[in-house]
Every structure is written in structure tokens, then in C-alpha cells.
Amino acid sequence: MVIIERSMDGTWLSNTYLVADGIGGTAVMVDAGGPVAPLLDKLEQLSCTLTHVLLTHHHHDHIAQLDLVSARHPHAQVLIHPLERELVPGASGELIPGATLRAGALEIKPLHTPGHTLGMVSLLINGGDVFTGDVLFKRSIGGVRAPGHTTYADQRRSIMDVLMALPAQTRVHPGHTEPTTIADELRENPFVRIWSGLDPEGETACEAFGRPARLVLWAEDYDGGHKAWVRWPDGSDDIVPGSQVTRSS
């Protein structure tokens, strides 16, 4: 039975996870934004050996306390997608999509899910739990305006073609706030519902970053704010912070 412990930063609301294959066994850490101290204490309580720190992407709120982890566990490999390895000085190796990583009884499959960043990976562990970084959140998704982002098309493909293709019962552990499941997101995530053809697109005029646009979707975000899907006059789409959108009355 996989043991999963979560620690969430009170400011960024970013999650760090400890995943172990059992008491006295092997463990990995997913991201290291912190606070990591409770997870390191739990690691000792479980008498587990930390073999890897697996980074979903390079953003500061997901690696801020990596040095603390490496200081306590210098032999643990720090892995990230090859496209982002140079962006994290503490990285010691690479997560290769399609290449299964084994840590004790943990079978870890890195899934390349770009959009929020070029080298974003989601991590499917033992077939039943997926750690989605900043791709997919409970009833929300990651934006494509953060440092190192790619495109709306990448983000949609990563969510619909990769994550939503997982079994419905798969448990989702996002990079921010609360867990969910693939089934719940198919049913309740407003972005996924439109992409699936369950709900219509919006038609409201708006301004985003001071430019005219069409508001396809105005949705609640994980932090209590909003996230917007906008369409520019040239027909291209964008996922942007709600704070950058002015809706027409």
C-alpha cells in the first residue's frame, strides 16, 4: 500500500509530497517547495530511505526548500525533465518521459505535460496516483503565462489527451491545494467540461492585459481568485489570471 503525506505552504499554497512504499521501505519526495520539515520527520517515523526528489517543474514555489532536503539526504537523486535541468542548480539527474523509474516497490511513470512550463512532468505512481504539478488542479488548471510557459494548445493536450485518458478512479495530487480524481475533474472541472463538449463556450467581451478579447470561461481558481480562458481577435486562445481580466458589463 502506498503511503502519501502532504505538506502545503501557507503563502503559495503549493504542495510537497512524501510517497513511500511502506513502513521501513523506500520513499520519494515530489517537489520541495516546503515546508519540508514535517515530511522529513515523517520519513524518520516511517524508517524509510529517501532515494529521489522528483520535481514536476522548476518554479520557485516548488523547489524553495530543495537545499534543506539535500542537506539531510545527500544521496537522494534530484530529478527533473531534461528541458529544465539547467534551471535547478541542485538537480542531479533527469526524468525521462516514457522511461519507468523504480524506487523500491514504487513504479513511477513520468508523463510529459507541457503548457505551464516546457518541461512540466506529471508523475503516475503505481498506476493509481498521479501528481500533476501545475497542469491540473481541483476544478481548475494551470495558466500559460508563467515563466517558461508554452501554449494553450499544449496545456489542453496535456490535460485532455494525457491526464483525462487515465482511469477515472485515478487519484490526482495537484501542485496546489486539495486532491481530486480524474472522474471528479471530468464531471466538475469547467475547462474540461467545455473541452469535452458538455458545456458551451462563453461569448462575453472583455479586456485581458489591456487588450480586447472574448471571455470563453471565467472560473474559480485554487487560491480563491479566478482564472480566465480568453480568445484573442486573431482566434488564438490563452489561459490567464483573472486579475488581468476586465469583464464587460
Protein backbone atom coordinates (compact mmCIF):
# COMPACT_ATOMS: atom_id res chain seq x y z
CA MET A 1 0.00 0.00 0.00
CA VAL A 2 1.38 3.40 -1.00
CA ILE A 3 1.72 5.93 1.83
CA ILE A 4 1.24 9.59 0.79
CA GLU A 5 1.89 12.56 3.07
CA ARG A 6 1.35 16.18 2.01
CA SER A 7 2.74 19.49 3.26
CA MET A 8 1.32 22.77 1.91
CA ASP A 9 2.99 26.18 2.03
CA GLY A 10 0.69 28.71 3.67
CA THR A 11 1.58 31.55 1.31
CA TRP A 12 1.95 29.90 -2.09
CA LEU A 13 -0.49 27.06 -1.31
CA SER A 14 2.00 24.80 -3.08
CA ASN A 15 2.23 21.14 -2.13
CA THR A 16 5.21 18.95 -1.35
CA TYR A 17 4.55 15.22 -1.11
CA LEU A 18 6.26 12.26 0.52
CA VAL A 19 5.40 8.94 -1.14
CA ALA A 20 6.54 5.68 0.47
CA ASP A 21 6.06 2.03 -0.42
CA GLY A 22 5.53 1.06 3.22
CA ILE A 23 6.98 1.28 6.71
CA GLY A 24 10.70 0.58 6.67
CA GLY A 25 10.80 0.80 2.90
CA THR A 26 11.64 3.29 0.18
CA ALA A 27 10.31 6.83 -0.30
CA VAL A 28 10.44 9.64 -2.82
CA MET A 29 9.58 13.31 -2.44
CA VAL A 30 7.55 15.08 -5.11
CA ASP A 31 8.59 18.74 -5.35
CA ALA A 32 10.24 20.61 -2.50
CA GLY A 33 8.53 23.95 -2.07
CA GLY A 34 8.07 23.24 1.60
CA PRO A 35 7.59 23.22 4.40
CA VAL A 36 9.64 20.05 4.15
CA ALA A 37 10.41 19.62 7.87
CA PRO A 38 7.15 17.75 8.66
CA LEU A 39 7.79 15.38 5.77
CA LEU A 40 11.38 14.74 6.80
CA ASP A 41 10.14 13.98 10.31
CA LYS A 42 7.54 11.60 8.87
CA LEU A 43 10.25 9.93 6.82
CA GLU A 44 12.12 9.14 10.04
CA GLN A 45 8.95 7.91 11.76
CA LEU A 46 8.34 5.52 8.87
CA SER A 47 12.01 4.40 8.93
CA CYS A 48 12.10 4.83 5.16
CA THR A 49 15.03 5.60 2.88
CA LEU A 50 14.59 8.64 0.64
CA THR A 51 16.01 7.73 -2.76
CA HIS A 52 14.72 10.52 -5.01
CA VAL A 53 13.34 14.04 -5.09
CA LEU A 54 11.16 14.30 -8.20
CA LEU A 55 10.48 17.82 -9.45
CA THR A 56 7.42 18.49 -11.58
CA HIS A 57 8.93 21.77 -12.82
CA HIS A 58 11.41 24.50 -11.95
CA HIS A 59 9.27 27.26 -10.42
CA HIS A 60 10.45 28.61 -7.07
CA ASP A 61 7.31 27.67 -5.14
CA HIS A 62 8.06 24.01 -5.98
CA ILE A 63 11.81 23.93 -5.22
CA ALA A 64 12.32 26.58 -2.50
CA GLN A 65 13.42 24.10 0.18
CA LEU A 66 15.27 21.66 -2.02
CA ASP A 67 18.56 22.55 -0.32
CA LEU A 68 17.14 21.53 3.06
CA VAL A 69 16.16 18.13 1.72
CA SER A 70 19.50 17.57 0.02
CA ALA A 71 21.38 18.58 3.18
CA ARG A 72 19.56 15.91 5.20
CA HIS A 73 19.60 13.30 2.43
CA PRO A 74 22.62 14.00 0.21
CA HIS A 75 22.40 10.62 -1.53
CA ALA A 76 18.86 11.19 -2.79
CA GLN A 77 18.85 11.89 -6.54
CA VAL A 78 17.14 15.12 -7.60
CA LEU A 79 15.44 14.54 -10.94
CA ILE A 80 13.65 16.92 -13.34
CA HIS A 81 12.77 16.93 -17.04
CA PRO A 82 15.88 17.41 -19.21
CA LEU A 83 14.49 20.66 -20.64
CA GLU A 84 14.55 22.24 -17.17
CA ARG A 85 17.59 20.62 -15.56
CA GLU A 86 19.80 23.67 -16.06
CA LEU A 87 17.20 25.83 -14.30
CA VAL A 88 17.63 23.97 -10.99
CA PRO A 89 21.22 24.03 -9.67
CA GLY A 90 20.55 21.16 -7.28
CA ALA A 91 19.30 18.77 -9.95
CA SER A 92 21.47 15.66 -10.29
CA GLY A 93 19.62 13.73 -12.97
CA GLU A 94 16.69 13.66 -15.36
CA LEU A 95 13.13 12.40 -15.52
CA ILE A 96 12.65 10.90 -18.96
CA PRO A 97 9.04 10.62 -20.11
CA GLY A 98 8.30 7.06 -21.16
CA ALA A 99 11.10 5.62 -19.01
CA THR A 100 9.74 3.97 -15.87
CA LEU A 101 11.63 4.79 -12.66
CA ARG A 102 11.60 2.27 -9.83
CA ALA A 103 12.20 3.14 -6.19
CA GLY A 104 11.66 0.12 -4.00
CA ALA A 105 8.12 -1.05 -4.74
CA LEU A 106 7.20 2.31 -6.29
CA GLU A 107 6.81 2.29 -10.07
CA ILE A 108 6.95 5.88 -11.33
CA LYS A 109 6.00 6.86 -14.87
CA PRO A 110 6.89 10.43 -15.86
CA LEU A 111 4.32 11.95 -18.22
CA HIS A 112 5.37 15.00 -20.25
CA THR A 113 2.59 17.54 -19.72
CA PRO A 114 3.85 20.91 -21.05
CA GLY A 115 1.86 24.12 -21.04
CA HIS A 116 2.51 25.80 -17.70
CA THR A 117 6.20 25.14 -18.40
CA LEU A 118 8.06 23.48 -21.25
CA GLY A 119 9.43 20.63 -19.13
CA MET A 120 6.44 20.05 -16.87
CA VAL A 121 6.01 16.42 -15.87
CA SER A 122 3.18 14.66 -14.13
CA LEU A 123 4.12 11.54 -12.18
CA LEU A 124 1.97 8.41 -12.25
CA ILE A 125 2.90 6.23 -9.29
CA ASN A 126 1.89 2.57 -9.09
CA GLY A 127 -0.87 3.22 -11.60
CA GLY A 128 -3.30 4.75 -9.11
CA ASP A 129 -1.96 8.15 -8.09
CA VAL A 130 -0.88 10.98 -10.38
CA PHE A 131 0.98 14.07 -9.21
CA THR A 132 0.12 16.84 -11.65
CA GLY A 133 2.28 19.81 -10.64
CA ASP A 134 0.75 22.97 -12.12
CA VAL A 135 -1.08 21.30 -15.00
CA LEU A 136 -4.33 20.28 -13.34
CA PHE A 137 -5.88 21.42 -10.06
CA LYS A 138 -9.15 20.59 -8.35
CA ARG A 139 -11.75 22.29 -10.61
CA SER A 140 -9.08 24.48 -12.21
CA ILE A 141 -5.99 24.29 -14.41
CA GLY A 142 -2.58 25.91 -14.65
CA GLY A 143 -2.12 29.08 -16.66
CA VAL A 144 0.19 29.58 -19.62
CA ARG A 145 1.63 32.93 -18.59
CA ALA A 146 4.21 31.82 -16.01
CA PRO A 147 7.98 31.87 -16.65
CA GLY A 148 8.95 29.17 -19.14
CA HIS A 149 5.38 28.58 -20.32
CA THR A 150 4.46 27.15 -23.71
CA THR A 151 0.97 27.38 -25.22
CA TYR A 152 -2.73 26.96 -24.61
CA ALA A 153 -2.71 24.12 -27.15
CA ASP A 154 -0.04 22.29 -25.13
CA GLN A 155 -1.97 22.76 -21.89
CA ARG A 156 -5.20 21.47 -23.39
CA ARG A 157 -3.42 18.48 -24.94
CA SER A 158 -1.64 17.66 -21.67
CA ILE A 159 -4.92 17.68 -19.76
CA MET A 160 -7.30 16.10 -22.26
CA ASP A 161 -5.04 13.66 -24.12
CA VAL A 162 -2.75 12.62 -21.26
CA LEU A 163 -4.37 13.14 -17.87
CA MET A 164 -8.04 12.68 -18.74
CA ALA A 165 -7.08 9.48 -20.56
CA LEU A 166 -6.07 7.91 -17.22
CA PRO A 167 -8.58 5.61 -15.49
CA ALA A 168 -11.42 7.55 -13.89
CA GLN A 169 -10.57 6.28 -10.41
CA THR A 170 -7.01 7.68 -10.56
CA ARG A 171 -6.33 9.93 -7.60
CA VAL A 172 -4.97 13.36 -8.54
CA HIS A 173 -2.47 15.13 -6.26
CA PRO A 174 -2.03 18.66 -7.65
CA GLY A 175 0.78 21.12 -7.11
CA HIS A 176 -1.56 23.42 -5.19
CA THR A 177 -4.27 22.78 -2.58
CA GLU A 178 -6.64 19.83 -2.44
CA PRO A 179 -6.62 16.38 -4.06
CA THR A 180 -9.23 15.20 -6.53
CA THR A 181 -9.79 12.36 -9.00
CA ILE A 182 -9.90 12.07 -12.77
CA ALA A 183 -13.61 11.20 -12.51
CA ASP A 184 -14.33 14.33 -10.48
CA GLU A 185 -12.47 16.55 -12.95
CA LEU A 186 -14.27 15.03 -15.93
CA ARG A 187 -17.52 15.85 -14.19
CA GLU A 188 -16.80 19.13 -12.39
CA ASN A 189 -13.82 20.95 -13.91
CA PRO A 190 -15.29 23.80 -16.03
CA PHE A 191 -12.40 23.80 -18.51
CA VAL A 192 -12.64 20.06 -19.03
CA ARG A 193 -16.42 20.24 -19.39
CA ILE A 194 -16.16 22.72 -22.28
CA TRP A 195 -13.33 20.77 -23.94
CA SER A 196 -15.47 17.63 -23.61
CA GLY A 197 -18.44 19.34 -25.27
CA LEU A 198 -20.60 19.21 -22.13
CA ASP A 199 -20.88 23.00 -21.71
CA PRO A 200 -20.89 25.83 -24.26
CA GLU A 201 -18.19 28.47 -24.63
CA GLY A 202 -18.88 31.95 -23.30
CA GLU A 203 -19.36 34.94 -25.60
CA THR A 204 -18.78 37.92 -23.27
CA ALA A 205 -16.46 40.71 -24.43
CA CYS A 206 -13.61 41.56 -22.09
CA GLU A 207 -10.15 43.05 -21.84
CA ALA A 208 -7.15 40.93 -20.85
CA PHE A 209 -3.82 42.59 -20.14
CA GLY A 210 -5.46 45.73 -21.53
CA ARG A 211 -6.27 44.12 -24.90
CA PRO A 212 -9.74 43.34 -26.28
CA ALA A 213 -10.69 39.67 -26.09
CA ARG A 214 -13.62 37.30 -25.79
CA LEU A 215 -14.19 35.64 -22.43
CA VAL A 216 -14.69 31.95 -23.13
CA LEU A 217 -14.68 30.95 -19.45
CA TRP A 218 -14.48 32.73 -16.08
CA ALA A 219 -13.71 30.12 -13.41
CA GLU A 220 -12.77 29.93 -9.76
CA ASP A 221 -9.11 29.17 -9.09
CA TYR A 222 -7.45 27.16 -6.30
CA ASP A 223 -6.41 30.29 -4.36
CA GLY A 224 -9.87 31.85 -4.07
CA GLY A 225 -9.30 34.07 -7.10
CA HIS A 226 -10.22 33.39 -10.70
CA LYS A 227 -8.69 32.03 -13.88
CA ALA A 228 -9.88 33.03 -17.33
CA TRP A 229 -9.87 31.39 -20.73
CA VAL A 230 -9.81 34.16 -23.30
CA ARG A 231 -9.80 34.24 -27.07
CA TRP A 232 -7.89 36.98 -28.85
CA PRO A 233 -9.17 38.71 -32.01
CA ASP A 234 -6.87 36.57 -34.16
CA GLY A 235 -8.64 33.43 -32.89
CA SER A 236 -5.84 32.21 -30.59
CA ASP A 237 -6.65 31.15 -27.02
CA ASP A 238 -4.98 31.90 -23.70
CA ILE A 239 -5.33 30.88 -20.04
CA VAL A 240 -4.65 33.96 -17.90
CA PRO A 241 -5.03 35.14 -14.28
CA GLY A 242 -8.45 36.55 -13.54
CA SER A 243 -6.75 39.59 -12.04
CA GLN A 244 -5.66 40.57 -15.54
CA VAL A 245 -9.18 40.48 -16.98
CA THR A 246 -11.84 43.18 -17.03
CA ARG A 247 -15.25 41.81 -17.89
CA SER A 248 -17.70 43.89 -19.84
CA SER A 249 -20.95 44.67 -18.02
